[in-house]
C-alpha atoms as a PDB file:
ATOM      1  CA  UNK A   1       5.183  -4.192  -4.247  1.00  0.00           C
ATOM      2  CA  UNK A   2       8.213  -1.862  -5.106  1.00  0.00           C
ATOM      3  CA  UNK A   3       6.045   0.953  -5.538  1.00  0.00           C
ATOM      4  CA  UNK A   4       3.656   0.638  -2.632  1.00  0.00           C
ATOM      5  CA  UNK A   5       5.817  -1.162  -0.294  1.00  0.00           C
ATOM      6  CA  UNK A   6       9.296   0.208  -1.233  1.00  0.00           C
ATOM      7  CA  UNK A   7      10.760  -3.370  -1.545  1.00  0.00           C
ATOM      8  CA  UNK A   8       9.728  -4.486   1.952  1.00  0.00           C
ATOM      9  CA  UNK A   9      10.486  -1.234   3.792  1.00  0.00           C
ATOM     10  CA  UNK A  10       6.874  -0.960   4.707  1.00  0.00           C
ATOM     11  CA  UNK A  11       5.464   2.324   3.498  1.00  0.00           C
ATOM     12  CA  UNK A  12       2.123   2.924   5.000  1.00  0.00           C
ATOM     13  CA  UNK A  13      -0.650   3.512   2.466  1.00  0.00           C
ATOM     14  CA  UNK A  14      -4.436   4.228   2.660  1.00  0.00           C
ATOM     15  CA  UNK A  15      -7.015   3.253  -0.074  1.00  0.00           C
ATOM     16  CA  UNK A  16      -9.787   5.716  -0.333  1.00  0.00           C
ATOM     17  CA  UNK A  17     -12.564   4.130  -2.198  1.00  0.00           C
ATOM     18  CA  UNK A  18     -15.671   6.246  -3.323  1.00  0.00           C
ATOM     19  CA  UNK A  19     -18.676   4.508  -4.690  1.00  0.00           C
ATOM     20  CA  UNK A  20     -20.275   7.006  -6.955  1.00  0.00           C
ATOM     21  CA  UNK A  21     -23.014   5.113  -8.944  1.00  0.00           C
ATOM     22  CA  UNK A  22     -24.658   1.742  -7.921  1.00  0.00           C
ATOM     23  CA  UNK A  23     -27.490   0.213  -9.928  1.00  0.00           C
ATOM     24  CA  UNK A  24     -28.856  -3.197 -10.489  1.00  0.00           C
ATOM     25  CA  UNK A  25     -31.194  -5.914  -9.365  1.00  0.00           C
ATOM     26  CA  UNK A  26     -31.743  -8.369  -6.625  1.00  0.00           C
ATOM     27  CA  UNK A  27     -29.416 -10.745  -8.489  1.00  0.00           C
ATOM     28  CA  UNK A  28     -26.650  -8.484  -9.878  1.00  0.00           C
ATOM     29  CA  UNK A  29     -25.439  -4.909  -8.983  1.00  0.00           C
ATOM     30  CA  UNK A  30     -22.816  -2.751 -10.697  1.00  0.00           C
ATOM     31  CA  UNK A  31     -20.777  -0.159  -8.807  1.00  0.00           C
ATOM     32  CA  UNK A  32     -18.782   2.567 -10.524  1.00  0.00           C
ATOM     33  CA  UNK A  33     -16.495   4.794  -8.527  1.00  0.00           C
ATOM     34  CA  UNK A  34     -13.082   6.247  -7.941  1.00  0.00           C
ATOM     35  CA  UNK A  35     -10.118   5.446  -5.686  1.00  0.00           C
ATOM     36  CA  UNK A  36      -6.871   7.216  -4.391  1.00  0.00           C
ATOM     37  CA  UNK A  37      -3.879   5.660  -2.783  1.00  0.00           C
ATOM     38  CA  UNK A  38      -2.214   7.846  -0.224  1.00  0.00           C
ATOM     39  CA  UNK A  39       0.790   7.416   1.883  1.00  0.00           C
ATOM     40  CA  UNK A  40       1.321   8.159   5.513  1.00  0.00           C
ATOM     41  CA  UNK A  41       2.666  11.614   4.557  1.00  0.00           C
ATOM     42  CA  UNK A  42      -0.457  12.519   2.778  1.00  0.00           C
ATOM     43  CA  UNK A  43       1.164  12.203  -0.726  1.00  0.00           C
ATOM     44  CA  UNK A  44      -1.243  10.749  -3.400  1.00  0.00           C
ATOM     45  CA  UNK A  45       0.686   7.790  -5.027  1.00  0.00           C
ATOM     46  CA  UNK A  46      -2.132   6.770  -7.353  1.00  0.00           C
ATOM     47  CA  UNK A  47      -5.811   7.735  -8.335  1.00  0.00           C
ATOM     48  CA  UNK A  48      -8.149   6.420 -10.917  1.00  0.00           C
ATOM     49  CA  UNK A  49     -11.565   4.613 -11.442  1.00  0.00           C
ATOM     50  CA  UNK A  50     -13.191   1.320 -11.070  1.00  0.00           C
ATOM     51  CA  UNK A  51     -16.191  -0.682 -12.108  1.00  0.00           C
ATOM     52  CA  UNK A  52     -17.304  -3.814 -10.074  1.00  0.00           C
ATOM     53  CA  UNK A  53     -20.106  -6.152 -10.881  1.00  0.00           C
ATOM     54  CA  UNK A  54     -21.321  -8.304  -7.959  1.00  0.00           C
ATOM     55  CA  UNK A  55     -23.623 -11.178  -8.250  1.00  0.00           C
ATOM     56  CA  UNK A  56     -25.866 -12.857  -5.650  1.00  0.00           C
ATOM     57  CA  UNK A  57     -25.055 -16.479  -5.315  1.00  0.00           C
ATOM     58  CA  UNK A  58     -27.041 -18.553  -2.989  1.00  0.00           C
ATOM     59  CA  UNK A  59     -27.688 -15.565  -0.794  1.00  0.00           C
ATOM     60  CA  UNK A  60     -24.144 -14.280  -0.689  1.00  0.00           C
ATOM     61  CA  UNK A  61     -22.815 -11.186  -2.730  1.00  0.00           C
ATOM     62  CA  UNK A  62     -19.658 -12.090  -4.657  1.00  0.00           C
ATOM     63  CA  UNK A  63     -17.356 -10.217  -7.180  1.00  0.00           C
ATOM     64  CA  UNK A  64     -18.201 -11.261 -10.429  1.00  0.00           C
ATOM     65  CA  UNK A  65     -15.945  -8.944 -12.602  1.00  0.00           C
ATOM     66  CA  UNK A  66     -13.868  -5.930 -11.567  1.00  0.00           C
ATOM     67  CA  UNK A  67     -11.446  -3.451 -13.257  1.00  0.00           C
ATOM     68  CA  UNK A  68      -9.368  -0.738 -12.064  1.00  0.00           C
ATOM     69  CA  UNK A  69      -7.731   2.023 -14.027  1.00  0.00           C
ATOM     70  CA  UNK A  70      -5.068   4.343 -12.852  1.00  0.00           C
ATOM     71  CA  UNK A  71      -5.490   8.098 -14.056  1.00  0.00           C
ATOM     72  CA  UNK A  72      -1.578   8.314 -13.915  1.00  0.00           C
ATOM     73  CA  UNK A  73       0.533   7.385 -16.719  1.00  0.00           C
ATOM     74  CA  UNK A  74       2.768   4.269 -16.666  1.00  0.00           C
ATOM     75  CA  UNK A  75       5.733   4.455 -14.180  1.00  0.00           C
ATOM     76  CA  UNK A  76       9.229   3.624 -15.408  1.00  0.00           C
ATOM     77  CA  UNK A  77      10.531   0.488 -13.913  1.00  0.00           C
ATOM     78  CA  UNK A  78      13.047   0.953 -11.121  1.00  0.00           C
ATOM     79  CA  UNK A  79      16.609  -0.144 -11.503  1.00  0.00           C
ATOM     80  CA  UNK A  80      16.039  -2.952  -8.920  1.00  0.00           C
ATOM     81  CA  UNK A  81      13.146  -4.409 -11.064  1.00  0.00           C
ATOM     82  CA  UNK A  82      15.382  -4.378 -14.281  1.00  0.00           C
ATOM     83  CA  UNK A  83      18.199  -6.093 -12.522  1.00  0.00           C
ATOM     84  CA  UNK A  84      15.855  -8.677 -10.746  1.00  0.00           C
ATOM     85  CA  UNK A  85      14.506  -9.674 -14.268  1.00  0.00           C
ATOM     86  CA  UNK A  86      17.989 -10.307 -15.680  1.00  0.00           C
END
């Protein structure tokens, strides 16, 4: 919340998701792709990759497992976050 929404000051972001590979059966599908998070000024805030596994349960596709990994390094906590934890 602190990073994407600037502690409530409502920074607008866009999530650009690209499915790059999809495979599976009528019961289970795996999707591999990439994502980017972009603010309203066009600055890329984050980018990375994901894998999602969907299962067909009673005719409805549901997320079974999902993982997202940023290509960017860990961000140092803000001063606000460290004082809130105290």
